[in-house]
Protein backbone atom coordinates (compact mmCIF):
# COMPACT_ATOMS: atom_id res chain seq x y z
CA MET A 1 -4.86 -5.61 47.14
CA ASP A 2 -1.19 -4.95 45.83
CA THR A 3 -1.41 -8.19 44.27
CA LEU A 4 -4.76 -7.58 42.62
CA ILE A 5 -3.50 -4.43 41.14
CA HIS A 6 -0.03 -5.98 40.17
CA TYR A 7 -2.30 -8.36 37.86
CA MET A 8 -4.75 -5.75 37.00
CA PRO A 9 -3.49 -6.13 33.12
CA LEU A 10 -4.07 -10.04 33.30
CA ILE A 11 -7.12 -9.38 34.77
CA MET A 12 -8.38 -6.98 32.00
CA PHE A 13 -7.34 -9.60 29.31
CA ALA A 14 -9.25 -12.18 31.12
CA VAL A 15 -12.37 -9.67 31.05
CA LEU A 16 -11.90 -8.98 27.51
CA ALA A 17 -11.81 -13.04 26.63
CA VAL A 18 -15.32 -13.48 28.48
CA VAL A 19 -17.22 -10.35 27.31
CA LEU A 20 -16.14 -11.40 23.82
CA PHE A 21 -18.60 -14.47 23.85
CA THR A 22 -21.60 -12.07 24.46
CA GLY A 23 -21.82 -11.49 20.83
CA TYR A 24 -21.70 -7.68 21.47
CA PRO A 25 -19.81 -5.58 18.81
CA VAL A 26 -16.26 -6.27 19.18
CA ALA A 27 -15.32 -2.23 18.70
CA PHE A 28 -17.97 -1.33 21.62
CA ILE A 29 -16.46 -4.21 24.05
CA LEU A 30 -12.76 -3.28 23.35
CA GLY A 31 -13.64 0.30 23.88
CA GLY A 32 -15.72 -0.02 26.82
CA ILE A 33 -13.29 -2.32 28.72
CA ALA A 34 -10.35 0.20 28.31
CA LEU A 35 -12.65 2.78 29.91
CA VAL A 36 -13.64 0.40 32.89
CA PHE A 37 -10.00 -0.31 33.76
CA ALA A 38 -8.70 3.27 32.97
CA VAL A 39 -11.00 4.05 35.94
CA LEU A 40 -10.08 1.24 38.01
CA GLY A 41 -6.40 2.28 37.20
CA ASP A 42 -6.88 5.50 38.36
CA TRP A 43 -8.41 4.16 41.64
CA ALA A 44 -5.68 2.03 42.00
CA GLY A 45 -2.91 4.79 41.36
CA VAL A 46 -1.55 2.96 38.17
CA PHE A 47 -3.37 5.40 35.69
CA ARG A 48 -4.45 8.59 35.23
CA LEU A 49 -7.65 9.64 34.01
CA ASP A 50 -6.18 12.63 32.17
CA GLN A 51 -4.45 10.18 30.04
CA ILE A 52 -7.58 9.10 28.37
CA GLN A 53 -7.29 12.53 26.17
CA LEU A 54 -4.21 10.83 24.44
CA ILE A 55 -6.19 7.82 22.95
CA PRO A 56 -7.86 10.25 20.30
CA LEU A 57 -4.38 11.51 19.63
CA ARG A 58 -3.39 8.10 19.08
CA ILE A 59 -6.58 7.00 16.95
CA TYR A 60 -6.41 9.96 14.67
CA GLY A 61 -2.68 10.66 14.62
CA GLY A 62 -1.96 7.19 14.24
CA THR A 63 -4.71 4.50 12.98
CA MET A 64 -7.05 7.21 11.17
CA ALA A 65 -4.08 8.97 9.49
CA SER A 66 -2.22 6.06 8.13
CA LEU A 67 -2.06 6.09 4.36
CA VAL A 68 -1.61 2.21 4.29
CA LEU A 69 -4.74 1.48 5.89
CA VAL A 70 -6.49 3.49 3.09
CA ALA A 71 -5.78 0.31 1.00
CA ILE A 72 -8.31 -1.83 2.84
CA PRO A 73 -11.34 -0.21 1.39
CA MET A 74 -9.94 -0.15 -2.17
CA PHE A 75 -9.33 -3.89 -1.62
CA THR A 76 -12.53 -4.63 -0.29
CA PHE A 77 -14.24 -2.90 -3.27
CA MET A 78 -11.98 -4.99 -5.55
CA GLY A 79 -12.96 -8.22 -4.02
CA THR A 80 -16.85 -7.60 -3.99
CA MET A 81 -16.61 -6.19 -7.80
CA LEU A 82 -14.91 -9.57 -8.77
CA GLU A 83 -17.24 -11.61 -6.78
CA LYS A 84 -19.98 -9.62 -9.32
CA SER A 85 -18.28 -9.73 -12.46
CA GLY A 86 -18.29 -13.66 -13.45
CA VAL A 87 -14.91 -14.12 -13.28
CA ALA A 88 -14.51 -17.00 -10.91
CA THR A 89 -17.11 -18.52 -12.73
CA ASP A 90 -15.47 -18.53 -16.18
CA LEU A 91 -12.42 -19.66 -14.47
CA LEU A 92 -13.71 -22.81 -12.55
CA GLU A 93 -15.47 -23.78 -16.01
CA ALA A 94 -12.11 -23.90 -17.68
CA LEU A 95 -10.27 -25.34 -14.76
CA GLN A 96 -12.52 -28.13 -14.95
CA VAL A 97 -11.90 -28.66 -18.47
CA LEU A 98 -8.14 -28.80 -18.03
CA LEU A 99 -8.13 -31.38 -15.06
CA ARG A 100 -10.76 -33.81 -16.19
CA ARG A 101 -8.61 -36.45 -16.51
CA VAL A 102 -6.72 -35.85 -13.41
CA PRO A 103 -7.80 -37.80 -10.25
CA GLY A 104 -9.99 -35.79 -8.19
CA GLY A 105 -10.20 -32.95 -10.79
CA LEU A 106 -12.97 -31.19 -9.78
CA ALA A 107 -11.57 -30.67 -6.13
CA LEU A 108 -8.11 -29.71 -7.75
CA SER A 109 -9.99 -27.11 -9.82
CA VAL A 110 -11.58 -25.68 -6.77
CA THR A 111 -8.13 -25.58 -5.10
CA LEU A 112 -6.38 -23.91 -8.08
CA MET A 113 -9.22 -21.42 -8.45
CA GLY A 114 -9.13 -20.34 -4.72
CA THR A 115 -5.27 -19.75 -5.18
CA ILE A 116 -5.90 -17.41 -7.95
CA MET A 117 -8.81 -15.80 -6.78
CA ALA A 118 -7.08 -15.26 -3.38
CA ALA A 119 -4.62 -12.96 -5.34
CA THR A 120 -7.32 -10.87 -6.33
CA THR A 121 -10.34 -10.86 -3.88
CA GLY A 122 -8.61 -11.43 -0.15
CA ILE A 123 -12.14 -11.31 1.43
CA ILE A 124 -12.99 -14.56 2.86
CA GLY A 125 -16.79 -14.14 3.20
CA ALA A 126 -17.31 -13.45 -0.41
CA SER A 127 -14.66 -16.16 -1.74
CA VAL A 128 -15.97 -19.10 0.50
CA VAL A 129 -19.90 -18.04 -0.62
CA MET A 130 -18.99 -17.72 -3.99
CA MET A 131 -17.18 -20.98 -4.30
CA THR A 132 -19.99 -22.80 -2.42
CA LEU A 133 -22.30 -21.41 -4.75
CA MET A 134 -20.53 -22.31 -8.05
CA ALA A 135 -18.77 -25.48 -6.96
CA LEU A 136 -20.68 -27.47 -4.18
CA PRO A 137 -23.71 -28.47 -6.33
CA VAL A 138 -21.43 -29.39 -9.34
CA MET A 139 -19.38 -31.82 -7.11
CA MET A 140 -22.46 -33.23 -5.37
CA LYS A 141 -24.04 -33.91 -8.87
CA ALA A 142 -20.73 -35.75 -9.53
CA ASN A 143 -21.12 -37.73 -6.57
CA TYR A 144 -18.23 -36.57 -4.83
CA SER A 145 -18.06 -37.15 -1.11
CA ILE A 146 -19.33 -34.31 0.88
CA PRO A 147 -16.78 -33.81 3.39
CA LEU A 148 -13.95 -33.59 0.63
CA ALA A 149 -16.12 -31.35 -1.00
CA THR A 150 -16.91 -28.95 1.54
CA GLY A 151 -13.43 -29.25 3.20
CA THR A 152 -11.77 -28.39 -0.04
CA ILE A 153 -13.79 -25.50 -0.41
CA ALA A 154 -13.57 -24.22 2.82
CA ALA A 155 -9.90 -24.36 2.90
CA SER A 156 -9.12 -22.99 -0.70
CA GLY A 157 -11.64 -20.14 0.21
CA THR A 158 -9.40 -19.07 3.18
CA LEU A 159 -6.11 -18.55 1.32
CA GLY A 160 -6.95 -14.92 0.51
CA ILE A 161 -6.37 -14.20 4.22
CA LEU A 162 -2.46 -15.14 3.54
CA ILE A 163 -1.94 -14.66 -0.11
CA PRO A 164 -1.39 -11.15 -0.83
CA PRO A 165 -2.85 -8.60 -1.45
CA SER A 166 -4.37 -9.55 1.86
CA ILE A 167 -6.40 -7.03 4.35
CA MET A 168 -4.93 -9.13 7.26
CA LEU A 169 -1.56 -8.57 6.02
CA VAL A 170 -2.25 -4.64 5.50
CA ILE A 171 -3.55 -4.41 9.12
CA MET A 172 -0.52 -6.43 10.57
CA SER A 173 1.89 -4.48 8.89
CA ASP A 174 0.46 -1.17 10.19
CA LEU A 175 0.28 -2.38 13.65
CA LEU A 176 3.94 -3.63 13.72
CA SER A 177 5.35 -0.56 11.39
CA VAL A 178 6.81 -2.81 8.93
CA PRO A 179 6.90 -2.10 5.18
CA VAL A 180 3.52 -3.67 3.45
CA GLY A 181 5.27 -4.35 0.44
CA THR A 182 8.02 -6.55 2.28
CA VAL A 183 5.29 -8.22 4.23
CA PHE A 184 3.35 -9.06 0.92
CA ILE A 185 6.74 -10.64 -0.62
CA ALA A 186 7.28 -12.72 2.58
CA ALA A 187 3.60 -14.20 2.69
CA ILE A 188 3.81 -15.48 -1.11
CA VAL A 189 5.42 -18.71 -0.43
CA PRO A 190 3.93 -19.55 2.76
CA GLY A 191 0.35 -19.18 0.93
CA LEU A 192 1.62 -20.99 -2.21
CA LEU A 193 2.92 -23.78 0.17
CA LEU A 194 -0.50 -24.36 1.86
CA ALA A 195 -1.93 -24.52 -1.63
CA LEU A 196 0.29 -27.06 -2.64
CA LEU A 197 -0.13 -29.02 0.44
CA TYR A 198 -3.75 -29.05 -0.46
CA THR A 199 -2.94 -30.06 -3.84
CA PHE A 200 -1.36 -33.08 -3.10
CA TYR A 201 -3.42 -34.30 -0.20
CA ILE A 202 -6.35 -34.23 -2.65
CA PHE A 203 -4.44 -35.96 -5.66
CA PHE A 204 -3.08 -38.68 -3.48
CA LEU A 205 -6.41 -39.16 -1.41
CA CYS A 206 -8.20 -39.55 -4.63
CA ARG A 207 -5.81 -41.81 -6.31
CA TRP A 208 -5.61 -43.95 -3.28
CA LYS A 209 -9.77 -43.75 -2.55
CA PRO A 210 -11.31 -42.72 -6.31
CA HIS A 211 -14.71 -43.56 -5.04
CA LEU A 212 -14.59 -40.29 -3.00
CA ALA A 213 -14.22 -38.09 -6.38
CA PRO A 214 -15.53 -39.92 -9.54
CA PRO A 215 -13.83 -38.78 -12.72
CA MET A 216 -15.71 -36.23 -14.82
CA ALA A 217 -17.29 -36.90 -18.31
CA GLU A 218 -14.51 -36.95 -21.03
CA ASP A 219 -16.65 -34.81 -23.51
CA ILE A 220 -17.10 -31.78 -20.84
CA GLY A 221 -15.77 -28.37 -22.61
CA PRO A 222 -15.62 -27.03 -26.03
CA SER A 223 -15.88 -29.21 -28.86
CA THR A 224 -13.30 -27.26 -31.16
CA ARG A 225 -9.65 -26.09 -30.81
CA ALA A 226 -10.74 -22.72 -31.34
CA GLU A 227 -13.48 -22.88 -28.67
CA PHE A 228 -11.07 -24.33 -26.23
CA TRP A 229 -8.68 -21.37 -26.54
CA ARG A 230 -11.39 -18.98 -26.49
CA MET A 231 -11.98 -20.00 -23.29
CA ILE A 232 -8.85 -20.10 -21.91
CA PHE A 233 -8.13 -16.79 -22.97
CA ARG A 234 -11.34 -15.45 -21.49
CA SER A 235 -10.93 -17.33 -18.26
CA PHE A 236 -7.37 -16.85 -17.58
CA LEU A 237 -6.47 -13.45 -18.97
CA PRO A 238 -8.42 -11.28 -16.95
CA PRO A 239 -7.38 -12.15 -13.32
CA ILE A 240 -3.65 -12.92 -14.38
CA LEU A 241 -3.72 -9.26 -15.63
CA LEU A 242 -5.27 -8.08 -12.51
CA ILE A 243 -2.93 -9.70 -10.57
CA VAL A 244 0.12 -8.62 -12.37
CA ALA A 245 -1.07 -5.03 -12.12
CA VAL A 246 -1.69 -4.98 -8.34
CA LEU A 247 1.21 -7.25 -7.22
CA GLY A 248 3.48 -6.30 -9.94
CA SER A 249 3.35 -2.62 -9.47
CA ILE A 250 4.27 -3.24 -5.66
CA PHE A 251 7.00 -5.76 -5.98
CA ALA A 252 8.72 -3.76 -8.77
CA GLY A 253 8.26 -0.67 -6.59
CA ILE A 254 6.30 1.54 -9.14
CA ALA A 255 3.44 1.89 -6.74
CA THR A 256 2.76 1.43 -2.83
CA PRO A 257 0.15 -0.64 -1.68
CA THR A 258 -2.36 2.08 -1.43
CA GLU A 259 -1.85 3.27 -4.99
CA ALA A 260 -2.12 -0.44 -6.09
CA SER A 261 -5.30 -0.89 -4.08
CA GLY A 262 -6.78 1.90 -6.57
CA VAL A 263 -5.16 0.06 -9.54
CA GLY A 264 -6.82 -2.91 -8.48
CA ALA A 265 -10.42 -1.45 -7.55
CA ALA A 266 -10.34 0.29 -11.16
CA GLY A 267 -9.07 -2.83 -13.07
CA SER A 268 -12.14 -4.67 -11.18
CA VAL A 269 -14.61 -2.32 -12.59
CA VAL A 270 -12.91 -2.80 -16.18
CA LEU A 271 -13.39 -6.50 -15.96
CA ALA A 272 -17.17 -6.27 -14.68
CA ALA A 273 -17.75 -4.14 -17.64
CA PHE A 274 -15.91 -6.26 -19.93
CA ASN A 275 -18.22 -9.21 -18.83
CA ARG A 276 -21.24 -7.11 -19.26
CA ARG A 277 -21.90 -7.46 -15.34
CA LEU A 278 -21.27 -3.49 -14.71
CA ASN A 279 -24.75 -1.49 -13.92
CA TRP A 280 -25.80 1.24 -11.39
CA ALA A 281 -27.53 -1.67 -9.03
CA THR A 282 -24.15 -3.47 -9.10
CA LEU A 283 -22.16 -0.58 -8.36
CA MET A 284 -24.11 0.70 -5.64
CA ASP A 285 -24.29 -2.60 -3.83
CA VAL A 286 -20.46 -2.99 -4.15
CA CYS A 287 -19.84 0.33 -2.58
CA VAL A 288 -22.39 0.05 0.02
CA ARG A 289 -20.95 -3.47 1.29
CA SER A 290 -17.61 -2.03 1.03
CA ALA A 291 -18.16 0.93 2.88
CA LEU A 292 -20.03 -1.35 5.57
CA THR A 293 -16.93 -3.59 5.79
CA GLY A 294 -14.33 -0.79 6.24
CA ALA A 295 -16.60 1.15 8.72
CA MET A 296 -16.74 -2.43 10.85
CA LEU A 297 -12.84 -2.60 10.67
CA PHE A 298 -12.08 0.65 11.51
CA GLY A 299 -14.58 0.69 14.39
CA ILE A 300 -12.43 -2.14 15.98
CA PHE A 301 -9.49 -0.07 15.17
CA VAL A 302 -10.69 2.45 17.47
CA GLY A 303 -11.74 0.03 20.33
CA ALA A 304 -8.24 -1.67 19.96
CA THR A 305 -6.17 1.33 20.17
CA ALA A 306 -7.76 2.49 23.39
CA PHE A 307 -7.47 -1.12 24.71
CA SER A 308 -3.77 -1.40 23.64
CA PHE A 309 -3.13 2.16 25.19
CA VAL A 310 -4.83 1.09 28.63
CA PHE A 311 -3.41 -2.18 28.88
CA LYS A 312 0.15 -1.18 28.55
CA SER A 313 -0.17 1.98 30.82
CA ILE A 314 -1.37 -0.05 33.66
CA GLY A 315 1.62 -2.28 33.18
CA GLY A 316 0.97 -5.09 30.72
CA GLU A 317 3.76 -5.00 28.82
CA GLU A 318 5.98 -4.86 31.76
CA LEU A 319 4.14 -7.64 33.41
CA ILE A 320 4.78 -10.02 30.43
CA ILE A 321 8.14 -9.46 30.23
CA GLU A 322 8.64 -10.00 34.01
CA PHE A 323 6.72 -13.45 33.62
CA ILE A 324 8.56 -14.59 30.69
CA GLU A 325 12.25 -13.77 32.51
CA SER A 326 10.85 -15.27 35.61
CA SER A 327 9.92 -18.39 33.87
CA SER A 328 13.19 -18.84 32.35
CA ALA A 329 11.96 -20.08 29.29
CA GLY A 330 13.80 -20.47 26.23
CA PRO A 331 13.01 -18.57 23.04
CA TRP A 332 11.59 -21.69 21.42
CA SER A 333 9.59 -22.31 24.31
CA ILE A 334 8.00 -18.84 24.15
CA LEU A 335 7.31 -19.24 20.41
CA PHE A 336 5.57 -22.25 20.92
CA VAL A 337 3.64 -21.13 23.69
CA LEU A 338 2.48 -18.30 21.75
CA MET A 339 1.63 -20.18 18.31
CA ALA A 340 -0.48 -22.53 20.56
CA MET A 341 -2.34 -19.68 22.28
CA VAL A 342 -3.07 -18.08 18.87
CA PHE A 343 -4.51 -21.55 17.70
CA ALA A 344 -6.54 -22.15 20.71
CA LEU A 345 -7.82 -18.34 20.27
CA GLY A 346 -8.81 -19.30 16.96
CA PHE A 347 -11.41 -21.83 18.07
CA PHE A 348 -13.39 -18.86 19.50
CA PHE A 349 -12.36 -15.48 18.07
CA ASP A 350 -12.07 -13.89 14.30
CA TRP A 351 -8.87 -12.87 13.16
CA ILE A 352 -9.16 -9.26 13.36
CA GLU A 353 -9.73 -9.62 17.18
CA ILE A 354 -6.72 -11.70 17.73
CA THR A 355 -4.63 -9.88 15.67
CA LEU A 356 -5.62 -6.29 17.10
CA ILE A 357 -4.95 -7.83 20.64
CA VAL A 358 -2.23 -10.25 20.60
CA LEU A 359 0.07 -8.95 17.95
CA PRO A 360 0.83 -5.21 19.45
CA ILE A 361 1.42 -6.91 22.75
CA PHE A 362 3.47 -10.08 21.96
CA ALA A 363 5.61 -8.88 18.68
CA PRO A 364 7.72 -6.62 20.52
CA ILE A 365 8.46 -9.36 22.86
CA VAL A 366 9.29 -11.81 20.52
CA ALA A 367 11.90 -8.98 18.60
CA LEU A 368 13.93 -9.24 21.69
CA LEU A 369 14.32 -12.91 22.01
CA ASP A 370 17.60 -14.86 20.60
CA PHE A 371 16.97 -17.65 18.26
CA GLY A 372 20.90 -18.05 17.73
CA GLY A 373 20.82 -17.38 14.21
CA HIS A 374 18.07 -19.63 13.05
CA VAL A 375 16.17 -16.58 11.44
CA GLY A 376 19.62 -14.77 10.01
CA VAL A 377 20.11 -11.21 9.08
CA TRP A 378 19.32 -9.37 5.87
CA ASP A 379 21.72 -6.29 6.18
CA GLY A 380 24.58 -7.74 8.80
CA VAL A 381 22.49 -5.53 11.62
CA SER A 382 18.92 -6.05 11.65
CA THR A 383 17.22 -9.35 12.31
CA PRO A 384 14.08 -9.98 10.39
CA ILE A 385 12.51 -11.50 13.25
CA VAL A 386 9.37 -9.44 13.29
CA ILE A 387 8.52 -10.04 9.65
CA TRP A 388 9.07 -13.88 10.26
CA PHE A 389 6.70 -13.97 13.52
CA LEU A 390 4.30 -12.05 11.58
CA ILE A 391 3.88 -14.38 9.05
CA LEU A 392 4.05 -17.25 11.56
CA VAL A 393 0.96 -15.69 13.04
CA ALA A 394 -0.64 -15.10 9.69
CA VAL A 395 -0.31 -18.86 8.74
CA ASN A 396 -1.70 -19.92 12.13
CA LEU A 397 -4.69 -17.32 11.97
CA GLN A 398 -6.09 -19.09 8.83
CA THR A 399 -7.11 -21.85 10.97
CA SER A 400 -9.28 -19.61 12.62
CA PHE A 401 -11.52 -19.42 9.81
CA LEU A 402 -11.77 -23.42 9.80
CA THR A 403 -11.95 -24.60 13.39
CA PRO A 404 -15.12 -24.98 15.04
CA PRO A 405 -17.32 -24.37 16.93
CA PHE A 406 -16.90 -20.59 15.48
CA GLY A 407 -14.83 -21.28 12.20
CA PHE A 408 -16.34 -18.15 10.10
CA ALA A 409 -15.81 -20.04 6.59
CA LEU A 410 -17.87 -23.00 8.11
CA PHE A 411 -20.76 -20.94 8.76
CA TYR A 412 -20.37 -18.85 5.30
CA LEU A 413 -20.41 -22.57 3.51
CA LYS A 414 -23.35 -23.76 5.64
CA GLY A 415 -25.33 -20.63 5.19
CA VAL A 416 -25.56 -21.13 1.24
CA ALA A 417 -25.00 -25.15 0.98
CA PRO A 418 -27.86 -27.32 -0.21
CA PRO A 419 -29.93 -28.52 2.85
CA GLU A 420 -28.95 -32.13 2.71
CA VAL A 421 -25.22 -31.06 3.71
CA LYS A 422 -24.82 -31.29 7.31
CA ILE A 423 -22.74 -29.52 9.76
CA GLN A 424 -21.23 -32.67 11.05
CA GLN A 425 -20.13 -33.25 7.55
CA ILE A 426 -18.59 -30.01 7.25
CA TYR A 427 -16.39 -30.45 10.40
CA ALA A 428 -15.24 -33.80 9.36
CA GLY A 429 -14.34 -32.21 5.72
CA ILE A 430 -12.08 -29.56 7.48
CA ILE A 431 -9.87 -31.75 9.73
CA PRO A 432 -7.19 -32.84 7.24
CA PHE A 433 -7.26 -29.29 5.90
CA VAL A 434 -6.48 -27.78 9.51
CA LEU A 435 -3.67 -30.57 9.83
CA LEU A 436 -2.18 -29.47 6.59
CA GLN A 437 -2.16 -26.01 8.03
CA VAL A 438 -0.72 -27.23 11.20
CA LEU A 439 2.17 -28.59 9.16
CA GLY A 440 2.47 -25.53 6.93
CA LEU A 441 3.23 -23.80 9.94
CA ALA A 442 5.65 -26.38 11.35
CA LEU A 443 7.63 -25.92 8.12
CA CYS A 444 7.56 -22.27 8.26
CA VAL A 445 8.79 -22.28 12.03
CA PHE A 446 11.84 -24.71 11.20
CA PHE A 447 12.59 -23.31 7.81
CA PRO A 448 12.34 -19.75 8.32
CA ALA A 449 13.81 -19.07 4.47
CA LEU A 450 10.51 -20.38 3.39
CA VAL A 451 9.55 -16.83 4.68
CA LEU A 452 12.56 -14.65 4.42
CA TRP A 453 14.38 -15.82 1.46
CA LEU A 454 12.13 -14.10 -0.92
CA PRO A 455 11.87 -10.50 0.85
CA SER A 456 15.63 -10.56 1.33
CA PHE A 457 16.31 -11.45 -2.01
CA ALA A 458 14.05 -8.68 -3.43
CA LEU A 459 15.59 -6.26 -0.98
CA GLY A 460 19.14 -7.41 -2.12
CA GLY A 461 20.14 -8.97 1.26
């Protein structure tokens, strides 16, 4: 019995992993398991039921009172409004014209559009659905390989989870109490690195096997120089101005991420009005969808706060530290095991579940590990290992959208793709991009300057 009580935190974690497969709302699963193990912990003498009254204080005094999290509904509103404004449609058409003579030009256009839109939306479902509806029929009409087309759309559409402003990075920053602006800066190079890996892969693959991506017609696009520059102005200027307004204000120290999210939301409304897509029905639809997304996320915050509190109170953190110390595993072994665990969880769970469960438990442990100067220092005292680990988890979690059987980006894509696109073709298409993501993760692990140089430079380190 003593052994069972000692390993109660691991049993709690295992029960969570099993119950998540039931499909019941995650917020209720987290909160329900927390209450059940609070009662069991009281019975076993490792938890007192009167401690439960501390959970609401943590929720309202920590999660709900966090000004940083106000950015989530604002960024959600911005991304949803941009989906309705027609900005992405104009951008894709312009990129097709510019890259029509490049091998795999249409696929490269989708990748570049995904990269640019990632810095304005940050909502994976909206990005993948929008790009599928716009680009997939065009690519199929051009006789593109369906696995290449679907893989490109799915991978490019998920860049928004990493390239700032990202809702996931906002949540991670709040969980670990690190500055959101610093995390945003740290994520820029890894996000662009993944986009660059996708671009190189598509270019060289299409040059090696041109039948996978037949060239586009030479006469595509405007017929006069004036029309060409009008197209460029109309397509590139609006998203660039919005990116500069949001990210530029954060990086320049003019606005906090919360304030910048308000700027982005207002800017998306202006762009919708500029494109003559703003009306009462659109505004109401965007508000409702943003409210539902925000309610879902904050509901999970409540459940995760309860789960994390009970898990730590019954000895979960001490048990993990005890296991690490007894195993005599080095810091690199521990890091690789954690990365492998996050990657494996991505096959079955969404990023929000993995983030809220894994990050608060393991980040404090990683912060205590000694990597012998591999990560470096910023101010001669503190080691930025938490920022590095956070970005490694973020890069790793991007694979959770693409890995079957529960890759959400694959379901989004299949849900709006033409009937002739088979799920097997989608699975085949994402395999190379998942391998590229693993390569990007490995580069960030072995070359931490890819993550830390830019924020170190911004902080004057």
